[in-house]
Full PDB file with SEQRES, HELIX, SHEET, SSBOND, CRYST1, ORIGX, SCALE, CONECT and MASTER records, all heavy atoms in Angstrom:
SEQRES   1 A   30  ILE ASP MET ALA PRO GLU ALA PHE LYS GLN ASP TYR ALA          
SEQRES   2 A   30  ALA LEU ILE ASP HIS ARG PHE HIS SER GLU GLU GLU ALA          
SEQRES   3 A   30  PHE ILE VAL LYS                                              
HELIX    1 AA1 GLU A    6  PHE A    8  5                                   3    
HELIX    2 AA2 LYS A    9  ILE A   16  1                                   8    
HELIX    3 AA3 HIS A   18  PHE A   20  5                                   3    
HELIX    4 AA4 GLU A   23  VAL A   29  1                                   7    
CRYST1    1.000    1.000    1.000  90.00  90.00  90.00 P 1           1          
ORIGX1      1.000000  0.000000  0.000000        0.00000                         
ORIGX2      0.000000  1.000000  0.000000        0.00000                         
ORIGX3      0.000000  0.000000  1.000000        0.00000                         
SCALE1      1.000000  0.000000  0.000000        0.00000                         
SCALE2      0.000000  1.000000  0.000000        0.00000                         
SCALE3      0.000000  0.000000  1.000000        0.00000                         
ATOM      1  N   ILE A   1      84.452  -1.424  71.508  1.00  0.00           N  
ATOM      2  CA  ILE A   1      83.947  -1.207  72.871  1.00  0.00           C  
ATOM      3  C   ILE A   1      83.511  -2.522  73.491  1.00  0.00           C  
ATOM      4  O   ILE A   1      83.756  -2.783  74.673  1.00  0.00           O  
ATOM      5  CB  ILE A   1      82.803  -0.169  72.867  1.00  0.00           C  
ATOM      6  CG1 ILE A   1      83.350   1.206  72.487  1.00  0.00           C  
ATOM      7  CG2 ILE A   1      82.106  -0.115  74.229  1.00  0.00           C  
ATOM      8  CD1 ILE A   1      82.285   2.216  72.096  1.00  0.00           C  
ATOM      9  N   ASP A   2      82.881  -3.383  72.691  1.00  0.00           N  
ATOM     10  CA  ASP A   2      82.464  -4.704  73.180  1.00  0.00           C  
ATOM     11  C   ASP A   2      83.658  -5.564  73.595  1.00  0.00           C  
ATOM     12  O   ASP A   2      83.534  -6.440  74.454  1.00  0.00           O  
ATOM     13  CB  ASP A   2      81.660  -5.437  72.105  1.00  0.00           C  
ATOM     14  CG  ASP A   2      80.217  -4.940  72.018  1.00  0.00           C  
ATOM     15  OD1 ASP A   2      79.764  -4.288  72.985  1.00  0.00           O  
ATOM     16  OD2 ASP A   2      79.572  -5.199  70.991  1.00  0.00           O  
ATOM     17  N   MET A   3      84.818  -5.312  72.960  1.00  0.00           N  
ATOM     18  CA  MET A   3      86.028  -6.071  73.296  1.00  0.00           C  
ATOM     19  C   MET A   3      86.659  -5.607  74.606  1.00  0.00           C  
ATOM     20  O   MET A   3      87.443  -6.340  75.210  1.00  0.00           O  
ATOM     21  CB  MET A   3      87.084  -5.897  72.194  1.00  0.00           C  
ATOM     22  CG  MET A   3      86.784  -6.560  70.891  1.00  0.00           C  
ATOM     23  SD  MET A   3      88.155  -6.210  69.764  1.00  0.00           S  
ATOM     24  CE  MET A   3      87.418  -6.720  68.211  1.00  0.00           C  
ATOM     25  N   ALA A   4      86.370  -4.389  75.019  1.00  0.00           N  
ATOM     26  CA  ALA A   4      86.996  -3.835  76.221  1.00  0.00           C  
ATOM     27  C   ALA A   4      86.634  -4.671  77.443  1.00  0.00           C  
ATOM     28  O   ALA A   4      85.570  -5.290  77.489  1.00  0.00           O  
ATOM     29  CB  ALA A   4      86.549  -2.391  76.418  1.00  0.00           C  
ATOM     30  N   PRO A   5      87.520  -4.707  78.439  1.00  0.00           N  
ATOM     31  CA  PRO A   5      87.188  -5.428  79.673  1.00  0.00           C  
ATOM     32  C   PRO A   5      85.854  -4.939  80.240  1.00  0.00           C  
ATOM     33  O   PRO A   5      85.564  -3.732  80.199  1.00  0.00           O  
ATOM     34  CB  PRO A   5      88.350  -5.059  80.606  1.00  0.00           C  
ATOM     35  CG  PRO A   5      89.484  -4.726  79.681  1.00  0.00           C  
ATOM     36  CD  PRO A   5      88.855  -4.095  78.486  1.00  0.00           C  
ATOM     37  N   GLU A   6      85.066  -5.848  80.737  1.00  0.00           N  
ATOM     38  CA  GLU A   6      83.706  -5.536  81.181  1.00  0.00           C  
ATOM     39  C   GLU A   6      83.675  -4.365  82.167  1.00  0.00           C  
ATOM     40  O   GLU A   6      82.816  -3.487  82.079  1.00  0.00           O  
ATOM     41  CB  GLU A   6      83.076  -6.775  81.827  1.00  0.00           C  
ATOM     42  CG  GLU A   6      81.586  -6.653  82.068  1.00  0.00           C  
ATOM     43  CD  GLU A   6      80.783  -6.492  80.782  1.00  0.00           C  
ATOM     44  OE1 GLU A   6      81.111  -7.147  79.777  1.00  0.00           O  
ATOM     45  OE2 GLU A   6      79.831  -5.679  80.794  1.00  0.00           O  
ATOM     46  N   ALA A   7      84.622  -4.335  83.086  1.00  0.00           N  
ATOM     47  CA  ALA A   7      84.636  -3.292  84.118  1.00  0.00           C  
ATOM     48  C   ALA A   7      84.889  -1.906  83.533  1.00  0.00           C  
ATOM     49  O   ALA A   7      84.560  -0.897  84.167  1.00  0.00           O  
ATOM     50  CB  ALA A   7      85.701  -3.611  85.164  1.00  0.00           C  
ATOM     51  N   PHE A   8      85.472  -1.854  82.341  1.00  0.00           N  
ATOM     52  CA  PHE A   8      85.864  -0.572  81.762  1.00  0.00           C  
ATOM     53  C   PHE A   8      85.104  -0.205  80.494  1.00  0.00           C  
ATOM     54  O   PHE A   8      85.431   0.781  79.826  1.00  0.00           O  
ATOM     55  CB  PHE A   8      87.373  -0.571  81.453  1.00  0.00           C  
ATOM     56  CG  PHE A   8      88.224  -0.937  82.628  1.00  0.00           C  
ATOM     57  CD1 PHE A   8      89.168  -1.953  82.524  1.00  0.00           C  
ATOM     58  CD2 PHE A   8      88.088  -0.283  83.836  1.00  0.00           C  
ATOM     59  CE1 PHE A   8      89.959  -2.306  83.605  1.00  0.00           C  
ATOM     60  CE2 PHE A   8      88.877  -0.622  84.931  1.00  0.00           C  
ATOM     61  CZ  PHE A   8      89.821  -1.632  84.816  1.00  0.00           C  
ATOM     62  N   LYS A   9      84.099  -0.995  80.147  1.00  0.00           N  
ATOM     63  CA  LYS A   9      83.374  -0.759  78.885  1.00  0.00           C  
ATOM     64  C   LYS A   9      82.837   0.666  78.771  1.00  0.00           C  
ATOM     65  O   LYS A   9      82.996   1.329  77.747  1.00  0.00           O  
ATOM     66  CB  LYS A   9      82.231  -1.765  78.740  1.00  0.00           C  
ATOM     67  CG  LYS A   9      82.590  -3.023  77.976  1.00  0.00           C  
ATOM     68  CD  LYS A   9      81.358  -3.870  77.718  1.00  0.00           C  
ATOM     69  CE  LYS A   9      81.656  -5.024  76.787  1.00  0.00           C  
ATOM     70  NZ  LYS A   9      82.726  -5.900  77.198  1.00  0.00           N  
ATOM     71  N   GLN A  10      82.184   1.138  79.821  1.00  0.00           N  
ATOM     72  CA  GLN A  10      81.604   2.484  79.773  1.00  0.00           C  
ATOM     73  C   GLN A  10      82.680   3.556  79.703  1.00  0.00           C  
ATOM     74  O   GLN A  10      82.500   4.592  79.051  1.00  0.00           O  
ATOM     75  CB  GLN A  10      80.696   2.712  80.984  1.00  0.00           C  
ATOM     76  CG  GLN A  10      79.399   1.911  80.944  1.00  0.00           C  
ATOM     77  CD  GLN A  10      78.626   2.151  79.648  1.00  0.00           C  
ATOM     78  OE1 GLN A  10      78.375   3.296  79.262  1.00  0.00           O  
ATOM     79  NE2 GLN A  10      78.247   1.076  78.981  1.00  0.00           N  
ATOM     80  N   ASP A  11      83.806   3.318  80.348  1.00  0.00           N  
ATOM     81  CA  ASP A  11      84.913   4.282  80.306  1.00  0.00           C  
ATOM     82  C   ASP A  11      85.457   4.419  78.886  1.00  0.00           C  
ATOM     83  O   ASP A  11      85.713   5.535  78.417  1.00  0.00           O  
ATOM     84  CB  ASP A  11      86.037   3.830  81.246  1.00  0.00           C  
ATOM     85  CG  ASP A  11      85.571   3.683  82.678  1.00  0.00           C  
ATOM     86  OD1 ASP A  11      85.470   4.704  83.375  1.00  0.00           O  
ATOM     87  OD2 ASP A  11      85.287   2.536  83.096  1.00  0.00           O  
ATOM     88  N   TYR A  12      85.620   3.284  78.211  1.00  0.00           N  
ATOM     89  CA  TYR A  12      86.142   3.337  76.843  1.00  0.00           C  
ATOM     90  C   TYR A  12      85.077   3.805  75.850  1.00  0.00           C  
ATOM     91  O   TYR A  12      85.407   4.466  74.857  1.00  0.00           O  
ATOM     92  CB  TYR A  12      86.746   1.995  76.436  1.00  0.00           C  
ATOM     93  CG  TYR A  12      88.104   1.794  77.049  1.00  0.00           C  
ATOM     94  CD1 TYR A  12      88.309   0.856  78.053  1.00  0.00           C  
ATOM     95  CD2 TYR A  12      89.184   2.571  76.655  1.00  0.00           C  
ATOM     96  CE1 TYR A  12      89.554   0.694  78.646  1.00  0.00           C  
ATOM     97  CE2 TYR A  12      90.431   2.421  77.234  1.00  0.00           C  
ATOM     98  CZ  TYR A  12      90.613   1.488  78.229  1.00  0.00           C  
ATOM     99  OH  TYR A  12      91.848   1.348  78.819  1.00  0.00           O  
ATOM    100  N   ALA A  13      83.825   3.499  76.129  1.00  0.00           N  
ATOM    101  CA  ALA A  13      82.751   4.007  75.271  1.00  0.00           C  
ATOM    102  C   ALA A  13      82.749   5.527  75.278  1.00  0.00           C  
ATOM    103  O   ALA A  13      82.566   6.173  74.236  1.00  0.00           O  
ATOM    104  CB  ALA A  13      81.399   3.472  75.739  1.00  0.00           C  
ATOM    105  N   ALA A  14      83.000   6.128  76.446  1.00  0.00           N  
ATOM    106  CA  ALA A  14      83.018   7.590  76.568  1.00  0.00           C  
ATOM    107  C   ALA A  14      84.146   8.214  75.759  1.00  0.00           C  
ATOM    108  O   ALA A  14      84.064   9.383  75.355  1.00  0.00           O  
ATOM    109  CB  ALA A  14      83.145   7.988  78.037  1.00  0.00           C  
ATOM    110  N   LEU A  15      85.199   7.434  75.492  1.00  0.00           N  
ATOM    111  CA  LEU A  15      86.322   7.944  74.691  1.00  0.00           C  
ATOM    112  C   LEU A  15      86.163   7.634  73.204  1.00  0.00           C  
ATOM    113  O   LEU A  15      86.493   8.459  72.350  1.00  0.00           O  
ATOM    114  CB  LEU A  15      87.630   7.320  75.187  1.00  0.00           C  
ATOM    115  CG  LEU A  15      88.060   7.671  76.615  1.00  0.00           C  
ATOM    116  CD1 LEU A  15      89.272   6.837  77.006  1.00  0.00           C  
ATOM    117  CD2 LEU A  15      88.367   9.154  76.732  1.00  0.00           C  
ATOM    118  N   ILE A  16      85.667   6.460  72.886  1.00  0.00           N  
ATOM    119  CA  ILE A  16      85.651   5.986  71.501  1.00  0.00           C  
ATOM    120  C   ILE A  16      84.388   6.388  70.742  1.00  0.00           C  
ATOM    121  O   ILE A  16      84.456   6.790  69.572  1.00  0.00           O  
ATOM    122  CB  ILE A  16      85.822   4.445  71.477  1.00  0.00           C  
ATOM    123  CG1 ILE A  16      87.208   4.066  72.008  1.00  0.00           C  
ATOM    124  CG2 ILE A  16      85.622   3.893  70.066  1.00  0.00           C  
ATOM    125  CD1 ILE A  16      87.393   2.564  72.236  1.00  0.00           C  
ATOM    126  N   ASP A  17      83.240   6.293  71.380  1.00  0.00           N  
ATOM    127  CA  ASP A  17      81.963   6.557  70.716  1.00  0.00           C  
ATOM    128  C   ASP A  17      81.712   8.068  70.665  1.00  0.00           C  
ATOM    129  O   ASP A  17      81.542   8.712  71.707  1.00  0.00           O  
ATOM    130  CB  ASP A  17      80.834   5.852  71.463  1.00  0.00           C  
ATOM    131  CG  ASP A  17      79.515   5.866  70.700  1.00  0.00           C  
ATOM    132  OD1 ASP A  17      79.303   6.779  69.881  1.00  0.00           O  
ATOM    133  OD2 ASP A  17      78.690   4.960  70.938  1.00  0.00           O  
ATOM    134  N   HIS A  18      81.692   8.617  69.454  1.00  0.00           N  
ATOM    135  CA  HIS A  18      81.565  10.081  69.289  1.00  0.00           C  
ATOM    136  C   HIS A  18      80.259  10.622  69.851  1.00  0.00           C  
ATOM    137  O   HIS A  18      80.150  11.818  70.132  1.00  0.00           O  
ATOM    138  CB  HIS A  18      81.679  10.449  67.808  1.00  0.00           C  
ATOM    139  CG  HIS A  18      80.552   9.923  66.962  1.00  0.00           C  
ATOM    140  ND1 HIS A  18      80.537   8.647  66.462  1.00  0.00           N  
ATOM    141  CD2 HIS A  18      79.397  10.509  66.570  1.00  0.00           C  
ATOM    142  CE1 HIS A  18      79.429   8.460  65.776  1.00  0.00           C  
ATOM    143  NE2 HIS A  18      78.712   9.563  65.821  1.00  0.00           N  
ATOM    144  N   ARG A  19      79.266   9.752  70.048  1.00  0.00           N  
ATOM    145  CA  ARG A  19      77.973  10.212  70.566  1.00  0.00           C  
ATOM    146  C   ARG A  19      78.070  10.656  72.021  1.00  0.00           C  
ATOM    147  O   ARG A  19      77.176  11.336  72.528  1.00  0.00           O  
ATOM    148  CB  ARG A  19      76.925   9.110  70.410  1.00  0.00           C  
ATOM    149  CG  ARG A  19      76.578   8.810  68.937  1.00  0.00           C  
ATOM    150  CD  ARG A  19      75.660   7.625  68.793  1.00  0.00           C  
ATOM    151  NE  ARG A  19      76.298   6.387  69.245  1.00  0.00           N  
ATOM    152  CZ  ARG A  19      75.769   5.183  69.098  1.00  0.00           C  
ATOM    153  NH1 ARG A  19      74.594   5.050  68.518  1.00  0.00           N  
ATOM    154  NH2 ARG A  19      76.404   4.106  69.539  1.00  0.00           N  
ATOM    155  N   PHE A  20      79.165  10.296  72.684  1.00  0.00           N  
ATOM    156  CA  PHE A  20      79.375  10.712  74.073  1.00  0.00           C  
ATOM    157  C   PHE A  20      80.113  12.055  74.163  1.00  0.00           C  
ATOM    158  O   PHE A  20      80.304  12.565  75.269  1.00  0.00           O  
ATOM    159  CB  PHE A  20      80.174   9.652  74.838  1.00  0.00           C  
ATOM    160  CG  PHE A  20      79.385   8.424  75.171  1.00  0.00           C  
ATOM    161  CD1 PHE A  20      79.356   7.338  74.320  1.00  0.00           C  
ATOM    162  CD2 PHE A  20      78.655   8.349  76.351  1.00  0.00           C  
ATOM    163  CE1 PHE A  20      78.638   6.194  74.625  1.00  0.00           C  
ATOM    164  CE2 PHE A  20      77.925   7.212  76.667  1.00  0.00           C  
ATOM    165  CZ  PHE A  20      77.912   6.133  75.804  1.00  0.00           C  
ATOM    166  N   HIS A  21      80.536  12.598  73.035  1.00  0.00           N  
ATOM    167  CA  HIS A  21      81.353  13.816  73.069  1.00  0.00           C  
ATOM    168  C   HIS A  21      80.487  15.050  72.823  1.00  0.00           C  
ATOM    169  O   HIS A  21      79.578  15.018  71.997  1.00  0.00           O  
ATOM    170  CB  HIS A  21      82.453  13.745  71.999  1.00  0.00           C  
ATOM    171  CG  HIS A  21      83.261  12.491  72.079  1.00  0.00           C  
ATOM    172  ND1 HIS A  21      83.891  11.941  70.977  1.00  0.00           N  
ATOM    173  CD2 HIS A  21      83.535  11.660  73.122  1.00  0.00           C  
ATOM    174  CE1 HIS A  21      84.515  10.835  71.344  1.00  0.00           C  
ATOM    175  NE2 HIS A  21      84.308  10.646  72.627  1.00  0.00           N  
ATOM    176  N   SER A  22      80.811  16.116  73.528  1.00  0.00           N  
ATOM    177  CA  SER A  22      80.087  17.371  73.299  1.00  0.00           C  
ATOM    178  C   SER A  22      80.480  17.937  71.940  1.00  0.00           C  
ATOM    179  O   SER A  22      81.500  17.545  71.355  1.00  0.00           O  
ATOM    180  CB  SER A  22      80.422  18.391  74.395  1.00  0.00           C  
ATOM    181  OG  SER A  22      81.748  18.873  74.233  1.00  0.00           O  
ATOM    182  N   GLU A  23      79.696  18.874  71.456  1.00  0.00           N  
ATOM    183  CA  GLU A  23      79.989  19.503  70.161  1.00  0.00           C  
ATOM    184  C   GLU A  23      81.347  20.194  70.181  1.00  0.00           C  
ATOM    185  O   GLU A  23      82.109  20.123  69.220  1.00  0.00           O  
ATOM    186  CB  GLU A  23      78.878  20.511  69.829  1.00  0.00           C  
ATOM    187  CG  GLU A  23      78.935  21.048  68.406  1.00  0.00           C  
ATOM    188  CD  GLU A  23      77.740  21.920  68.055  1.00  0.00           C  
ATOM    189  OE1 GLU A  23      76.636  21.653  68.588  1.00  0.00           O  
ATOM    190  OE2 GLU A  23      77.911  22.859  67.267  1.00  0.00           O  
ATOM    191  N   GLU A  24      81.655  20.864  71.299  1.00  0.00           N  
ATOM    192  CA  GLU A  24      82.942  21.563  71.415  1.00  0.00           C  
ATOM    193  C   GLU A  24      84.104  20.582  71.445  1.00  0.00           C  
ATOM    194  O   GLU A  24      85.133  20.811  70.794  1.00  0.00           O  
ATOM    195  CB  GLU A  24      82.974  22.406  72.699  1.00  0.00           C  
ATOM    196  CG  GLU A  24      82.595  23.854  72.487  1.00  0.00           C  
ATOM    197  CD  GLU A  24      82.966  24.697  73.691  1.00  0.00           C  
ATOM    198  OE1 GLU A  24      82.675  24.272  74.823  1.00  0.00           O  
ATOM    199  OE2 GLU A  24      83.542  25.778  73.499  1.00  0.00           O  
ATOM    200  N   GLU A  25      83.963  19.499  72.196  1.00  0.00           N  
ATOM    201  CA  GLU A  25      85.027  18.496  72.255  1.00  0.00           C  
ATOM    202  C   GLU A  25      85.271  17.886  70.883  1.00  0.00           C  
ATOM    203  O   GLU A  25      86.426  17.751  70.447  1.00  0.00           O  
ATOM    204  CB  GLU A  25      84.644  17.392  73.248  1.00  0.00           C  
ATOM    205  CG  GLU A  25      84.679  17.827  74.697  1.00  0.00           C  
ATOM    206  CD  GLU A  25      84.004  16.839  75.633  1.00  0.00           C  
ATOM    207  OE1 GLU A  25      83.279  15.930  75.145  1.00  0.00           O  
ATOM    208  OE2 GLU A  25      84.188  16.962  76.862  1.00  0.00           O  
ATOM    209  N   ALA A  26      84.187  17.549  70.190  1.00  0.00           N  
ATOM    210  CA  ALA A  26      84.307  16.951  68.859  1.00  0.00           C  
ATOM    211  C   ALA A  26      84.988  17.913  67.893  1.00  0.00           C  
ATOM    212  O   ALA A  26      85.821  17.494  67.078  1.00  0.00           O  
ATOM    213  CB  ALA A  26      82.927  16.563  68.337  1.00  0.00           C  
ATOM    214  N   PHE A  27      84.644  19.203  67.998  1.00  0.00           N  
ATOM    215  CA  PHE A  27      85.265  20.175  67.091  1.00  0.00           C  
ATOM    216  C   PHE A  27      86.760  20.293  67.334  1.00  0.00           C  
ATOM    217  O   PHE A  27      87.555  20.315  66.391  1.00  0.00           O  
ATOM    218  CB  PHE A  27      84.614  21.550  67.223  1.00  0.00           C  
ATOM    219  CG  PHE A  27      85.372  22.611  66.463  1.00  0.00           C  
ATOM    220  CD1 PHE A  27      85.289  22.673  65.077  1.00  0.00           C  
ATOM    221  CD2 PHE A  27      86.223  23.487  67.117  1.00  0.00           C  
ATOM    222  CE1 PHE A  27      86.035  23.606  64.355  1.00  0.00           C  
ATOM    223  CE2 PHE A  27      86.963  24.423  66.407  1.00  0.00           C  
ATOM    224  CZ  PHE A  27      86.868  24.495  65.017  1.00  0.00           C  
ATOM    225  N   ILE A  28      87.158  20.385  68.603  1.00  0.00           N  
ATOM    226  CA  ILE A  28      88.574  20.540  68.927  1.00  0.00           C  
ATOM    227  C   ILE A  28      89.378  19.356  68.400  1.00  0.00           C  
ATOM    228  O   ILE A  28      90.452  19.516  67.802  1.00  0.00           O  
ATOM    229  CB  ILE A  28      88.780  20.699  70.447  1.00  0.00           C  
ATOM    230  CG1 ILE A  28      88.213  22.040  70.927  1.00  0.00           C  
ATOM    231  CG2 ILE A  28      90.261  20.587  70.812  1.00  0.00           C  
ATOM    232  CD1 ILE A  28      88.970  23.261  70.477  1.00  0.00           C  
ATOM    233  N   VAL A  29      88.858  18.138  68.589  1.00  0.00           N  
ATOM    234  CA  VAL A  29      89.564  16.946  68.121  1.00  0.00           C  
ATOM    235  C   VAL A  29      89.619  16.920  66.592  1.00  0.00           C  
ATOM    236  O   VAL A  29      90.662  16.614  66.005  1.00  0.00           O  
ATOM    237  CB  VAL A  29      88.908  15.663  68.669  1.00  0.00           C  
ATOM    238  CG1 VAL A  29      89.532  14.417  68.037  1.00  0.00           C  
ATOM    239  CG2 VAL A  29      89.050  15.610  70.187  1.00  0.00           C  
ATOM    240  N   LYS A  30      88.505  17.264  65.944  1.00  0.00           N  
ATOM    241  CA  LYS A  30      88.491  17.293  64.477  1.00  0.00           C  
ATOM    242  C   LYS A  30      89.459  18.333  63.939  1.00  0.00           C  
ATOM    243  O   LYS A  30      90.200  18.086  62.977  1.00  0.00           O  
ATOM    244  CB  LYS A  30      87.068  17.584  63.974  1.00  0.00           C  
ATOM    245  CG  LYS A  30      86.939  17.639  62.455  1.00  0.00           C  
ATOM    246  CD  LYS A  30      87.350  16.322  61.813  1.00  0.00           C  
ATOM    247  CE  LYS A  30      87.236  16.362  60.305  1.00  0.00           C  
ATOM    248  NZ  LYS A  30      87.767  15.125  59.670  1.00  0.00           N  
TER     249      LYS A  30                                                      
MASTER        0    0    0    4    0    0    0    6  248    1    0    3          
END                                                                             
């Protein structure tokens, strides 16, 4: 996430960091 372009850091954090995912979203992906 730190490597991501500065303008898009939060956007990629929302995809990569599991702490941003709801329980249902995490379950479906798992």
